Every structure is written in structure tokens, then in C-alpha cells.
Amino acid sequence: MTDIFIAPKQNEKNKQKIQQVIHKSHMHVLSSFSKNPLGIRFQAQKKDESIILFLRPHLLTNLSWVSLGIFLIFLPLIIMTILPMLGINFLSSEIIAHFTTTYVIFYYLIVFSYVLINFLTWFYNIFIVTADRIIDIRYSDIVIHNVSETNLHHIEDVRYSQSGVIPTLFNYGNLYAQTAGATENFEARSIPKPKEVTDIIASLIGND
């Protein structure tokens, strides 16, 4: 891919703004929001390109599949407890008990796959802001991997939205970055502190 030339003055201006708004910080492995994280690199990162923001969807967005996963884990135990109370003892036969064990193992493999896919989808869906560009990394069902990027000087407008009581209460929402011309627009969904992220990007592109 051909590198897009960025005027040195613009780079220097961005570096000055970065020094004003960013402080180095250590990042937890499950962090959804980190400013200038230490020890984090990504594929195709340029030499001396500093990461300003590292973002994932808010941890709370995992609540639905985590709750369902916990329920599915305990579901066989609940069934095996309730059925004898109803006078149903399907484990009395050795053959049935053998096949039941096989089915339970297969069932838990499916549950484990469901939990793993949802976790990896959350963990690897990342939105990165550097001193020069923004990178949107999206994984879907493990096998689908999409990476989009654009230089900061292509961004014309950046805004955010928070809808509902829970996103407002826990301070997460969606961020939208509008780019020039036919360049793809960018969207980061359910990220923590959307107003702060918007302010930092606006500062970097000179819309403060």
C-alpha cells in the first residue's frame, strides 16, 4: 500500500498536542480504554508511531453472552436435579447412561465454543488511535479479520452518541469519524468514555 505523504508541519503539530493531552500508562490485559499504553504494538505499526488510544467495547457489553454461558453451564445439572423429583430416572439403564455422558461432553464442547467465540470477538475488536492515523480491527467468528485505517488529516468530523440509561450511567457509547471523499467512515461501538475520546481525536485533527 502506498504511503500517503503528511506534511512535516502537521506531524509536528500533532506531536505537540499529544504531549499536552497524553500521559503514559500501563494497560491491563482486559482493558477497554487505555491512553498511550506501554508495551502495546500492532501489526504494520510504523517506526516511532506512538499509540494514543487503545479501545475495545465496554466490558458491560459482554453481560448478555456471559450470563447465557453461565446458565448453559449449569443447565444439565438443573435438569438432572429436577427430573428425579418428577419421577423420571433416565439414568437407570447403563446404555442410556453411557450415551448421556457422550451427549453431555458434546454439549459442553458447544457451550465452550460459544463462550470462546464471543470472548475472542470482544477481545480482538479493537479501535486504535495513533499520532498519525486511526485503525479499526474487527474479528468476526474468529475466521473473518478486517482491518481499516485512515490518516488523521483525512478526518473531517468526529462525534459520539450515547443512547439509553445504561450507556449513560456507565459512560460508554458510539464514536463516529467522518472522512473526506470516498474514504470509508469509521465507527467504534460501545467504547468507554466516548466524549473524552472524541475530544482527543478532535484535538489531534485540529478541530478543538
N, C-alpha and C. Protein backbone atom coordinates (compact mmCIF):
# COMPACT_ATOMS: atom_id res chain seq x y z
N MET A 1 0.85 -1.20 0.00
CA MET A 1 0.00 0.00 0.00
C MET A 1 0.88 1.24 0.00
N THR A 2 0.58 2.18 -0.87
CA THR A 2 1.36 3.40 -0.98
C THR A 2 1.14 4.29 0.23
N ASP A 3 2.23 4.74 0.83
CA ASP A 3 2.12 5.62 1.97
C ASP A 3 1.65 7.00 1.53
N ILE A 4 0.74 7.58 2.27
CA ILE A 4 0.25 8.93 1.98
C ILE A 4 1.15 9.95 2.65
N PHE A 5 1.62 10.92 1.90
CA PHE A 5 2.53 11.92 2.44
C PHE A 5 1.79 12.84 3.40
N ILE A 6 2.40 13.09 4.53
CA ILE A 6 1.87 14.02 5.51
C ILE A 6 2.90 15.12 5.72
N ALA A 7 2.46 16.33 5.62
CA ALA A 7 3.38 17.46 5.74
C ALA A 7 4.07 17.44 7.09
N PRO A 8 5.37 17.67 7.17
CA PRO A 8 6.11 17.67 8.42
C PRO A 8 5.51 18.62 9.46
N LYS A 9 5.01 19.77 9.03
CA LYS A 9 4.45 20.72 9.98
C LYS A 9 3.24 20.13 10.69
N GLN A 10 2.42 19.38 9.94
CA GLN A 10 1.23 18.77 10.54
C GLN A 10 1.66 17.71 11.55
N ASN A 11 2.67 16.90 11.20
CA ASN A 11 3.17 15.90 12.14
C ASN A 11 3.69 16.55 13.41
N GLU A 12 4.42 17.63 13.26
CA GLU A 12 4.98 18.33 14.40
C GLU A 12 3.87 18.91 15.26
N LYS A 13 2.84 19.43 14.62
CA LYS A 13 1.70 19.99 15.36
C LYS A 13 1.02 18.90 16.16
N ASN A 14 0.83 17.72 15.54
CA ASN A 14 0.20 16.61 16.24
C ASN A 14 1.03 16.17 17.43
N LYS A 15 2.34 16.11 17.27
CA LYS A 15 3.21 15.68 18.37
C LYS A 15 3.13 16.64 19.55
N GLN A 16 3.02 17.92 19.27
CA GLN A 16 2.91 18.90 20.35
C GLN A 16 1.60 18.70 21.11
N LYS A 17 0.50 18.44 20.38
CA LYS A 17 -0.79 18.23 21.03
C LYS A 17 -0.79 16.93 21.83
N ILE A 18 -0.12 15.92 21.30
CA ILE A 18 -0.05 14.65 22.00
C ILE A 18 0.62 14.82 23.36
N GLN A 19 1.70 15.56 23.40
CA GLN A 19 2.40 15.77 24.65
C GLN A 19 1.54 16.50 25.67
N GLN A 20 0.59 17.30 25.20
CA GLN A 20 -0.26 18.06 26.11
C GLN A 20 -1.37 17.22 26.72
N VAL A 21 -1.91 16.26 25.97
CA VAL A 21 -3.11 15.57 26.43
C VAL A 21 -2.87 14.12 26.86
N ILE A 22 -1.69 13.53 26.58
CA ILE A 22 -1.48 12.12 26.82
C ILE A 22 -0.39 11.89 27.85
N HIS A 23 -0.65 10.94 28.74
CA HIS A 23 0.33 10.51 29.73
C HIS A 23 0.48 9.01 29.60
N LYS A 24 1.71 8.52 29.74
CA LYS A 24 1.96 7.10 29.59
C LYS A 24 1.29 6.33 30.72
N SER A 25 0.79 5.13 30.41
CA SER A 25 0.11 4.33 31.42
C SER A 25 0.26 2.86 31.10
N HIS A 26 0.25 2.04 32.15
CA HIS A 26 0.26 0.59 31.98
C HIS A 26 -1.15 0.12 31.69
N MET A 27 -1.26 -0.92 30.88
CA MET A 27 -2.56 -1.37 30.42
C MET A 27 -2.83 -2.78 30.92
N HIS A 28 -4.02 -2.97 31.52
CA HIS A 28 -4.46 -4.30 31.92
C HIS A 28 -4.85 -5.09 30.68
N VAL A 29 -4.66 -6.41 30.72
CA VAL A 29 -4.90 -7.25 29.54
C VAL A 29 -6.36 -7.17 29.07
N LEU A 30 -7.30 -6.90 29.99
CA LEU A 30 -8.71 -6.81 29.63
C LEU A 30 -9.21 -5.37 29.57
N SER A 31 -8.30 -4.42 29.49
CA SER A 31 -8.69 -3.02 29.46
C SER A 31 -9.52 -2.70 28.22
N SER A 32 -10.54 -1.88 28.42
CA SER A 32 -11.34 -1.40 27.29
C SER A 32 -10.95 0.02 26.88
N PHE A 33 -10.22 0.71 27.76
CA PHE A 33 -9.82 2.09 27.48
C PHE A 33 -8.43 2.31 28.07
N SER A 34 -7.50 2.71 27.23
CA SER A 34 -6.15 2.98 27.71
C SER A 34 -5.53 4.11 26.90
N LYS A 35 -4.97 5.08 27.61
CA LYS A 35 -4.25 6.18 26.97
C LYS A 35 -2.77 5.84 26.88
N ASN A 36 -2.22 6.00 25.70
CA ASN A 36 -0.80 5.81 25.46
C ASN A 36 -0.27 4.58 26.20
N PRO A 37 -0.83 3.39 25.93
CA PRO A 37 -0.44 2.19 26.68
C PRO A 37 1.01 1.79 26.43
N LEU A 38 1.67 1.34 27.48
CA LEU A 38 3.04 0.90 27.37
C LEU A 38 3.09 -0.56 26.93
N GLY A 39 4.06 -0.90 26.10
CA GLY A 39 4.28 -2.29 25.70
C GLY A 39 3.26 -2.85 24.73
N ILE A 40 2.48 -2.01 24.08
CA ILE A 40 1.48 -2.46 23.13
C ILE A 40 1.92 -2.09 21.72
N ARG A 41 1.91 -3.08 20.83
CA ARG A 41 2.21 -2.84 19.42
C ARG A 41 1.21 -3.59 18.56
N PHE A 42 1.05 -3.18 17.32
CA PHE A 42 0.15 -3.85 16.40
C PHE A 42 0.85 -4.06 15.07
N GLN A 43 0.32 -5.00 14.30
CA GLN A 43 0.91 -5.31 13.00
C GLN A 43 0.87 -4.08 12.10
N ALA A 44 1.93 -3.87 11.37
CA ALA A 44 2.08 -2.73 10.45
C ALA A 44 2.27 -1.41 11.18
N GLN A 45 2.56 -1.44 12.47
CA GLN A 45 2.86 -0.20 13.18
C GLN A 45 4.19 0.37 12.68
N LYS A 46 4.20 1.65 12.37
CA LYS A 46 5.39 2.28 11.84
C LYS A 46 6.41 2.56 12.94
N LYS A 47 7.64 2.71 12.54
CA LYS A 47 8.69 3.05 13.49
C LYS A 47 8.40 4.42 14.10
N ASP A 48 8.50 4.51 15.40
CA ASP A 48 8.27 5.75 16.16
C ASP A 48 6.81 6.21 16.11
N GLU A 49 5.89 5.34 15.65
CA GLU A 49 4.47 5.69 15.68
C GLU A 49 3.91 5.34 17.06
N SER A 50 3.47 6.34 17.77
CA SER A 50 3.00 6.13 19.14
C SER A 50 1.50 5.91 19.17
N ILE A 51 1.05 4.98 20.03
CA ILE A 51 -0.37 4.71 20.21
C ILE A 51 -0.91 5.70 21.23
N ILE A 52 -1.91 6.45 20.82
CA ILE A 52 -2.53 7.45 21.70
C ILE A 52 -3.67 6.83 22.51
N LEU A 53 -4.52 6.07 21.82
CA LEU A 53 -5.67 5.45 22.49
C LEU A 53 -5.81 4.00 22.03
N PHE A 54 -6.10 3.13 22.98
CA PHE A 54 -6.39 1.72 22.71
C PHE A 54 -7.77 1.44 23.26
N LEU A 55 -8.70 1.04 22.38
CA LEU A 55 -10.10 0.93 22.79
C LEU A 55 -10.71 -0.40 22.39
N ARG A 56 -11.58 -0.90 23.27
CA ARG A 56 -12.43 -2.05 22.98
C ARG A 56 -13.85 -1.69 23.42
N PRO A 57 -14.86 -2.48 23.02
CA PRO A 57 -16.19 -2.27 23.59
C PRO A 57 -16.16 -2.41 25.11
N HIS A 58 -17.00 -1.66 25.77
CA HIS A 58 -17.07 -1.67 27.23
C HIS A 58 -17.29 -3.10 27.75
N LEU A 59 -16.68 -3.41 28.88
CA LEU A 59 -16.82 -4.74 29.47
C LEU A 59 -18.28 -5.13 29.68
N LEU A 60 -19.11 -4.14 29.97
CA LEU A 60 -20.51 -4.41 30.26
C LEU A 60 -21.25 -4.98 29.05
N THR A 61 -20.73 -4.75 27.85
CA THR A 61 -21.38 -5.28 26.66
C THR A 61 -21.29 -6.81 26.58
N ASN A 62 -20.45 -7.40 27.41
CA ASN A 62 -20.31 -8.86 27.45
C ASN A 62 -21.34 -9.52 28.35
N LEU A 63 -22.13 -8.73 29.06
CA LEU A 63 -23.02 -9.27 30.09
C LEU A 63 -24.00 -10.30 29.53
N SER A 64 -24.55 -10.06 28.35
CA SER A 64 -25.58 -10.95 27.81
C SER A 64 -25.03 -12.35 27.53
N TRP A 65 -23.90 -12.43 26.80
CA TRP A 65 -23.38 -13.76 26.48
C TRP A 65 -22.72 -14.43 27.68
N VAL A 66 -22.17 -13.65 28.61
CA VAL A 66 -21.62 -14.24 29.83
C VAL A 66 -22.73 -14.86 30.67
N SER A 67 -23.85 -14.14 30.81
CA SER A 67 -25.00 -14.65 31.57
C SER A 67 -25.56 -15.92 30.94
N LEU A 68 -25.70 -15.89 29.61
CA LEU A 68 -26.21 -17.07 28.92
C LEU A 68 -25.25 -18.24 29.05
N GLY A 69 -23.95 -17.96 28.95
CA GLY A 69 -22.95 -19.01 29.10
C GLY A 69 -23.01 -19.67 30.46
N ILE A 70 -23.14 -18.87 31.52
CA ILE A 70 -23.24 -19.42 32.88
C ILE A 70 -24.49 -20.29 33.02
N PHE A 71 -25.60 -19.80 32.45
CA PHE A 71 -26.85 -20.57 32.51
C PHE A 71 -26.70 -21.91 31.79
N LEU A 72 -26.07 -21.90 30.60
CA LEU A 72 -25.90 -23.13 29.84
C LEU A 72 -24.97 -24.11 30.55
N ILE A 73 -23.99 -23.60 31.28
CA ILE A 73 -23.08 -24.48 32.02
C ILE A 73 -23.82 -25.26 33.10
N PHE A 74 -24.73 -24.59 33.77
CA PHE A 74 -25.45 -25.24 34.87
C PHE A 74 -26.74 -25.93 34.43
N LEU A 75 -27.15 -25.74 33.18
CA LEU A 75 -28.42 -26.31 32.72
C LEU A 75 -28.50 -27.83 32.87
N PRO A 76 -27.48 -28.61 32.46
CA PRO A 76 -27.57 -30.07 32.65
C PRO A 76 -27.73 -30.46 34.12
N LEU A 77 -27.03 -29.76 35.01
CA LEU A 77 -27.15 -30.07 36.43
C LEU A 77 -28.55 -29.79 36.95
N ILE A 78 -29.15 -28.70 36.43
CA ILE A 78 -30.52 -28.36 36.83
C ILE A 78 -31.49 -29.44 36.35
N ILE A 79 -31.31 -29.88 35.10
CA ILE A 79 -32.19 -30.91 34.54
C ILE A 79 -32.06 -32.21 35.31
N MET A 80 -30.81 -32.60 35.61
CA MET A 80 -30.57 -33.86 36.33
C MET A 80 -31.08 -33.80 37.76
N THR A 81 -31.26 -32.61 38.30
CA THR A 81 -31.81 -32.46 39.65
C THR A 81 -33.33 -32.48 39.64
N ILE A 82 -33.92 -31.86 38.62
CA ILE A 82 -35.38 -31.73 38.56
C ILE A 82 -36.06 -33.03 38.14
N LEU A 83 -35.48 -33.74 37.14
CA LEU A 83 -36.14 -34.92 36.60
C LEU A 83 -36.40 -36.01 37.65
N PRO A 84 -35.43 -36.34 38.53
CA PRO A 84 -35.74 -37.34 39.57
C PRO A 84 -36.87 -36.90 40.49
N MET A 85 -37.00 -35.59 40.71
CA MET A 85 -38.10 -35.09 41.54
C MET A 85 -39.44 -35.33 40.87
N LEU A 86 -39.45 -35.43 39.53
CA LEU A 86 -40.67 -35.68 38.78
C LEU A 86 -40.89 -37.18 38.54
N GLY A 87 -40.00 -37.98 39.14
CA GLY A 87 -40.14 -39.43 38.99
C GLY A 87 -39.56 -39.96 37.70
N ILE A 88 -38.74 -39.19 37.03
CA ILE A 88 -38.11 -39.62 35.77
C ILE A 88 -36.64 -39.93 36.05
N ASN A 89 -36.26 -41.18 35.86
CA ASN A 89 -34.88 -41.58 36.11
C ASN A 89 -34.31 -42.21 34.84
N PHE A 90 -33.88 -41.36 33.91
CA PHE A 90 -33.42 -41.86 32.62
C PHE A 90 -32.01 -42.44 32.69
N LEU A 91 -31.36 -42.35 33.87
CA LEU A 91 -30.01 -42.89 34.01
C LEU A 91 -30.01 -44.31 34.59
N SER A 92 -31.20 -44.89 34.75
CA SER A 92 -31.28 -46.22 35.36
C SER A 92 -30.67 -47.28 34.45
N SER A 93 -30.74 -47.08 33.14
CA SER A 93 -30.16 -48.02 32.18
C SER A 93 -28.70 -47.67 31.92
N GLU A 94 -27.83 -48.69 31.91
CA GLU A 94 -26.40 -48.47 31.70
C GLU A 94 -26.12 -47.93 30.31
N ILE A 95 -26.88 -48.43 29.32
CA ILE A 95 -26.68 -47.96 27.94
C ILE A 95 -27.07 -46.50 27.81
N ILE A 96 -28.21 -46.15 28.38
CA ILE A 96 -28.65 -44.76 28.32
C ILE A 96 -27.67 -43.85 29.05
N ALA A 97 -27.18 -44.32 30.20
CA ALA A 97 -26.22 -43.52 30.97
C ALA A 97 -24.94 -43.29 30.16
N HIS A 98 -24.51 -44.31 29.40
CA HIS A 98 -23.31 -44.17 28.58
C HIS A 98 -23.50 -43.11 27.51
N PHE A 99 -24.62 -43.17 26.79
CA PHE A 99 -24.88 -42.19 25.75
C PHE A 99 -25.13 -40.80 26.33
N THR A 100 -25.71 -40.75 27.52
CA THR A 100 -25.93 -39.46 28.17
C THR A 100 -24.61 -38.76 28.46
N THR A 101 -23.62 -39.53 28.91
CA THR A 101 -22.28 -38.97 29.17
C THR A 101 -21.68 -38.41 27.89
N THR A 102 -21.84 -39.14 26.78
CA THR A 102 -21.32 -38.67 25.49
C THR A 102 -22.00 -37.38 25.07
N TYR A 103 -23.33 -37.34 25.21
CA TYR A 103 -24.08 -36.15 24.84
C TYR A 103 -23.69 -34.95 25.70
N VAL A 104 -23.47 -35.18 26.99
CA VAL A 104 -23.10 -34.08 27.90
C VAL A 104 -21.74 -33.51 27.51
N ILE A 105 -20.78 -34.38 27.18
CA ILE A 105 -19.46 -33.92 26.76
C ILE A 105 -19.58 -33.08 25.49
N PHE A 106 -20.36 -33.57 24.52
CA PHE A 106 -20.57 -32.84 23.27
C PHE A 106 -21.26 -31.50 23.55
N TYR A 107 -22.22 -31.52 24.45
CA TYR A 107 -22.94 -30.30 24.81
C TYR A 107 -21.99 -29.25 25.38
N TYR A 108 -21.10 -29.67 26.29
CA TYR A 108 -20.18 -28.70 26.90
C TYR A 108 -19.14 -28.20 25.90
N LEU A 109 -18.80 -29.01 24.91
CA LEU A 109 -17.90 -28.52 23.85
C LEU A 109 -18.57 -27.39 23.07
N ILE A 110 -19.87 -27.53 22.81
CA ILE A 110 -20.61 -26.48 22.12
C ILE A 110 -20.67 -25.22 22.98
N VAL A 111 -20.96 -25.39 24.27
CA VAL A 111 -21.02 -24.24 25.18
C VAL A 111 -19.67 -23.54 25.26
N PHE A 112 -18.60 -24.34 25.37
CA PHE A 112 -17.25 -23.75 25.42
C PHE A 112 -16.94 -22.98 24.15
N SER A 113 -17.33 -23.53 22.99
CA SER A 113 -17.10 -22.84 21.72
C SER A 113 -17.86 -21.52 21.66
N TYR A 114 -19.09 -21.54 22.14
CA TYR A 114 -19.91 -20.32 22.17
C TYR A 114 -19.25 -19.23 23.02
N VAL A 115 -18.79 -19.61 24.21
CA VAL A 115 -18.15 -18.64 25.09
C VAL A 115 -16.83 -18.14 24.50
N LEU A 116 -16.05 -19.06 23.95
CA LEU A 116 -14.74 -18.69 23.39
C LEU A 116 -14.88 -17.74 22.21
N ILE A 117 -15.82 -18.02 21.30
CA ILE A 117 -16.01 -17.17 20.13
C ILE A 117 -16.45 -15.77 20.54
N ASN A 118 -17.37 -15.69 21.50
CA ASN A 118 -17.82 -14.38 21.96
C ASN A 118 -16.71 -13.61 22.65
N PHE A 119 -15.90 -14.30 23.44
CA PHE A 119 -14.79 -13.62 24.12
C PHE A 119 -13.77 -13.11 23.11
N LEU A 120 -13.37 -13.96 22.16
CA LEU A 120 -12.36 -13.54 21.18
C LEU A 120 -12.88 -12.42 20.29
N THR A 121 -14.18 -12.47 19.97
CA THR A 121 -14.77 -11.39 19.17
C THR A 121 -14.66 -10.07 19.91
N TRP A 122 -14.96 -10.08 21.22
CA TRP A 122 -14.81 -8.85 22.01
C TRP A 122 -13.34 -8.46 22.16
N PHE A 123 -12.49 -9.42 22.48
CA PHE A 123 -11.09 -9.15 22.82
C PHE A 123 -10.31 -8.57 21.64
N TYR A 124 -10.61 -9.06 20.43
CA TYR A 124 -9.83 -8.65 19.26
C TYR A 124 -10.52 -7.60 18.40
N ASN A 125 -11.70 -7.14 18.79
CA ASN A 125 -12.30 -5.99 18.11
C ASN A 125 -11.76 -4.71 18.75
N ILE A 126 -10.81 -4.10 18.09
CA ILE A 126 -10.00 -3.03 18.69
C ILE A 126 -10.04 -1.79 17.81
N PHE A 127 -10.09 -0.66 18.47
CA PHE A 127 -10.04 0.64 17.78
C PHE A 127 -8.82 1.38 18.33
N ILE A 128 -7.87 1.72 17.45
CA ILE A 128 -6.61 2.33 17.86
C ILE A 128 -6.47 3.71 17.24
N VAL A 129 -6.05 4.65 18.05
CA VAL A 129 -5.73 6.00 17.58
C VAL A 129 -4.24 6.22 17.82
N THR A 130 -3.51 6.52 16.76
CA THR A 130 -2.08 6.81 16.89
C THR A 130 -1.84 8.29 16.58
N ALA A 131 -0.58 8.68 16.57
CA ALA A 131 -0.24 10.06 16.28
C ALA A 131 -0.53 10.43 14.82
N ASP A 132 -0.67 9.41 13.95
CA ASP A 132 -0.83 9.67 12.52
C ASP A 132 -2.15 9.20 11.94
N ARG A 133 -2.79 8.21 12.56
CA ARG A 133 -3.95 7.59 11.92
C ARG A 133 -4.84 6.90 12.95
N ILE A 134 -6.00 6.41 12.47
CA ILE A 134 -6.84 5.55 13.28
C ILE A 134 -6.95 4.20 12.58
N ILE A 135 -6.98 3.14 13.38
CA ILE A 135 -7.04 1.77 12.87
C ILE A 135 -8.21 1.06 13.54
N ASP A 136 -9.05 0.47 12.71
CA ASP A 136 -10.21 -0.28 13.20
C ASP A 136 -10.00 -1.75 12.87
N ILE A 137 -9.82 -2.59 13.91
CA ILE A 137 -9.56 -4.02 13.73
C ILE A 137 -10.80 -4.78 14.18
N ARG A 138 -11.34 -5.58 13.27
CA ARG A 138 -12.58 -6.31 13.57
C ARG A 138 -12.42 -7.80 13.27
N TYR A 139 -12.73 -8.62 14.27
CA TYR A 139 -12.79 -10.07 14.10
C TYR A 139 -14.24 -10.50 14.20
N SER A 140 -14.63 -11.45 13.36
CA SER A 140 -15.98 -11.99 13.40
C SER A 140 -15.89 -13.51 13.27
N ASP A 141 -16.38 -14.21 14.30
CA ASP A 141 -16.37 -15.69 14.31
C ASP A 141 -14.97 -16.25 14.08
N ILE A 142 -13.96 -15.55 14.57
CA ILE A 142 -12.55 -15.97 14.57
C ILE A 142 -11.94 -15.92 13.16
N VAL A 143 -12.63 -16.46 12.16
CA VAL A 143 -12.01 -16.64 10.84
C VAL A 143 -12.05 -15.39 9.98
N ILE A 144 -12.92 -14.42 10.30
CA ILE A 144 -13.03 -13.21 9.49
C ILE A 144 -12.28 -12.08 10.18
N HIS A 145 -11.35 -11.48 9.48
CA HIS A 145 -10.47 -10.46 10.04
C HIS A 145 -10.41 -9.26 9.10
N ASN A 146 -10.97 -8.14 9.54
CA ASN A 146 -10.98 -6.92 8.72
C ASN A 146 -10.21 -5.81 9.43
N VAL A 147 -9.34 -5.15 8.71
CA VAL A 147 -8.56 -4.03 9.24
C VAL A 147 -8.76 -2.83 8.32
N SER A 148 -9.24 -1.73 8.91
CA SER A 148 -9.42 -0.48 8.15
C SER A 148 -8.59 0.61 8.83
N GLU A 149 -8.09 1.53 8.03
CA GLU A 149 -7.32 2.62 8.61
C GLU A 149 -7.44 3.87 7.74
N THR A 150 -7.20 5.00 8.36
CA THR A 150 -7.15 6.26 7.62
C THR A 150 -6.25 7.23 8.38
N ASN A 151 -5.62 8.11 7.64
CA ASN A 151 -4.77 9.12 8.27
C ASN A 151 -5.63 10.19 8.94
N LEU A 152 -5.11 10.77 9.98
CA LEU A 152 -5.86 11.75 10.75
C LEU A 152 -6.26 12.96 9.90
N HIS A 153 -5.42 13.34 8.95
CA HIS A 153 -5.76 14.53 8.17
C HIS A 153 -6.88 14.26 7.16
N HIS A 154 -7.33 13.00 7.04
CA HIS A 154 -8.48 12.68 6.21
C HIS A 154 -9.79 12.83 6.98
N ILE A 155 -9.71 12.94 8.29
CA ILE A 155 -10.92 13.02 9.11
C ILE A 155 -11.44 14.45 9.12
N GLU A 156 -12.69 14.62 8.72
CA GLU A 156 -13.30 15.94 8.67
C GLU A 156 -14.11 16.26 9.92
N ASP A 157 -14.68 15.23 10.52
CA ASP A 157 -15.53 15.47 11.68
C ASP A 157 -15.55 14.23 12.56
N VAL A 158 -15.65 14.43 13.85
CA VAL A 158 -15.75 13.32 14.79
C VAL A 158 -16.80 13.66 15.83
N ARG A 159 -17.66 12.69 16.14
CA ARG A 159 -18.73 12.92 17.10
C ARG A 159 -19.03 11.61 17.83
N TYR A 160 -19.88 11.69 18.85
CA TYR A 160 -20.24 10.48 19.59
C TYR A 160 -21.71 10.54 19.96
N SER A 161 -22.25 9.39 20.35
CA SER A 161 -23.64 9.32 20.80
C SER A 161 -23.75 8.33 21.96
N GLN A 162 -24.65 8.64 22.88
CA GLN A 162 -24.98 7.76 24.00
C GLN A 162 -26.49 7.66 24.07
N SER A 163 -27.03 6.46 23.93
CA SER A 163 -28.47 6.27 23.94
C SER A 163 -28.85 5.27 25.01
N GLY A 164 -29.76 5.65 25.88
CA GLY A 164 -30.23 4.74 26.91
C GLY A 164 -29.66 5.04 28.27
N VAL A 165 -30.30 4.49 29.28
CA VAL A 165 -29.90 4.73 30.67
C VAL A 165 -28.58 4.05 31.00
N ILE A 166 -28.43 2.79 30.60
CA ILE A 166 -27.23 2.02 30.96
C ILE A 166 -25.97 2.61 30.32
N PRO A 167 -25.95 2.90 29.00
CA PRO A 167 -24.76 3.53 28.43
C PRO A 167 -24.41 4.86 29.08
N THR A 168 -25.44 5.65 29.41
CA THR A 168 -25.19 6.94 30.06
C THR A 168 -24.66 6.75 31.47
N LEU A 169 -25.25 5.79 32.20
CA LEU A 169 -24.84 5.54 33.58
C LEU A 169 -23.42 5.02 33.67
N PHE A 170 -23.05 4.13 32.75
CA PHE A 170 -21.71 3.53 32.78
C PHE A 170 -20.75 4.19 31.80
N ASN A 171 -21.18 5.28 31.20
CA ASN A 171 -20.33 6.13 30.37
C ASN A 171 -19.67 5.38 29.21
N TYR A 172 -20.51 4.82 28.35
CA TYR A 172 -19.99 4.27 27.10
C TYR A 172 -20.97 4.59 25.97
N GLY A 173 -20.46 4.58 24.75
CA GLY A 173 -21.29 4.95 23.62
C GLY A 173 -20.57 4.71 22.31
N ASN A 174 -21.13 5.22 21.24
CA ASN A 174 -20.58 5.02 19.90
C ASN A 174 -19.86 6.27 19.41
N LEU A 175 -18.75 6.07 18.72
CA LEU A 175 -17.98 7.16 18.15
C LEU A 175 -18.02 7.06 16.63
N TYR A 176 -18.18 8.21 15.96
CA TYR A 176 -18.25 8.24 14.50
C TYR A 176 -17.20 9.22 13.99
N ALA A 177 -16.38 8.76 13.05
CA ALA A 177 -15.37 9.61 12.42
C ALA A 177 -15.68 9.71 10.93
N GLN A 178 -16.02 10.91 10.49
CA GLN A 178 -16.35 11.14 9.09
C GLN A 178 -15.11 11.53 8.33
N THR A 179 -14.85 10.82 7.23
CA THR A 179 -13.65 11.07 6.44
C THR A 179 -13.99 11.76 5.13
N ALA A 180 -12.96 12.27 4.48
CA ALA A 180 -13.16 13.04 3.25
C ALA A 180 -13.38 12.14 2.05
N GLY A 181 -14.18 12.62 1.11
CA GLY A 181 -14.35 11.96 -0.17
C GLY A 181 -14.93 10.56 -0.05
N ALA A 182 -14.34 9.64 -0.83
CA ALA A 182 -14.84 8.27 -0.89
C ALA A 182 -14.23 7.38 0.18
N THR A 183 -13.40 7.95 1.04
CA THR A 183 -12.77 7.18 2.09
C THR A 183 -13.82 6.66 3.07
N GLU A 184 -13.64 5.43 3.52
CA GLU A 184 -14.60 4.80 4.43
C GLU A 184 -14.71 5.55 5.75
N ASN A 185 -15.95 5.77 6.20
CA ASN A 185 -16.16 6.35 7.53
C ASN A 185 -15.90 5.30 8.60
N PHE A 186 -15.58 5.77 9.80
CA PHE A 186 -15.20 4.86 10.88
C PHE A 186 -16.20 4.96 12.02
N GLU A 187 -16.44 3.81 12.63
CA GLU A 187 -17.37 3.74 13.76
C GLU A 187 -16.79 2.81 14.82
N ALA A 188 -16.74 3.29 16.05
CA ALA A 188 -16.34 2.47 17.19
C ALA A 188 -17.53 2.36 18.12
N ARG A 189 -18.05 1.15 18.29
CA ARG A 189 -19.31 0.95 19.01
C ARG A 189 -19.06 0.59 20.48
N SER A 190 -19.85 1.21 21.34
CA SER A 190 -19.89 0.87 22.78
C SER A 190 -18.54 1.05 23.46
N ILE A 191 -17.79 2.07 23.06
CA ILE A 191 -16.48 2.30 23.69
C ILE A 191 -16.65 3.12 24.97
N PRO A 192 -15.78 2.91 25.97
CA PRO A 192 -15.84 3.72 27.19
C PRO A 192 -15.42 5.17 26.92
N LYS A 193 -15.95 6.07 27.73
CA LYS A 193 -15.59 7.48 27.70
C LYS A 193 -15.61 8.08 26.28
N PRO A 194 -16.73 7.97 25.58
CA PRO A 194 -16.76 8.45 24.19
C PRO A 194 -16.50 9.94 24.05
N LYS A 195 -16.93 10.74 25.02
CA LYS A 195 -16.69 12.19 24.93
C LYS A 195 -15.20 12.50 25.00
N GLU A 196 -14.50 11.84 25.92
CA GLU A 196 -13.06 12.07 26.06
C GLU A 196 -12.32 11.62 24.81
N VAL A 197 -12.72 10.48 24.24
CA VAL A 197 -12.10 10.00 23.00
C VAL A 197 -12.34 10.99 21.87
N THR A 198 -13.56 11.49 21.77
CA THR A 198 -13.89 12.46 20.73
C THR A 198 -13.06 13.73 20.88
N ASP A 199 -12.90 14.20 22.12
CA ASP A 199 -12.11 15.41 22.36
C ASP A 199 -10.65 15.21 21.97
N ILE A 200 -10.10 14.03 22.26
CA ILE A 200 -8.69 13.78 21.93
C ILE A 200 -8.49 13.72 20.42
N ILE A 201 -9.38 13.04 19.72
CA ILE A 201 -9.25 12.95 18.26
C ILE A 201 -9.44 14.33 17.63
N ALA A 202 -10.43 15.07 18.13
CA ALA A 202 -10.65 16.43 17.61
C ALA A 202 -9.43 17.31 17.83
N SER A 203 -8.77 17.13 18.96
CA SER A 203 -7.55 17.90 19.21
C SER A 203 -6.44 17.53 18.24
N LEU A 204 -6.32 16.24 17.93
CA LEU A 204 -5.28 15.78 17.02
C LEU A 204 -5.50 16.27 15.59
N ILE A 205 -6.77 16.36 15.17
CA ILE A 205 -7.05 16.79 13.80
C ILE A 205 -7.23 18.30 13.69
N GLY A 206 -7.14 18.99 14.83
CA GLY A 206 -7.18 20.43 14.81
C GLY A 206 -8.56 21.03 14.83
N ASN A 207 -9.56 20.25 15.35
CA ASN A 207 -10.93 20.78 15.44
C ASN A 207 -11.30 21.20 16.85
N ASP A 208 -10.30 21.43 17.69
CA ASP A 208 -10.60 21.84 19.07
C ASP A 208 -10.86 23.33 19.16
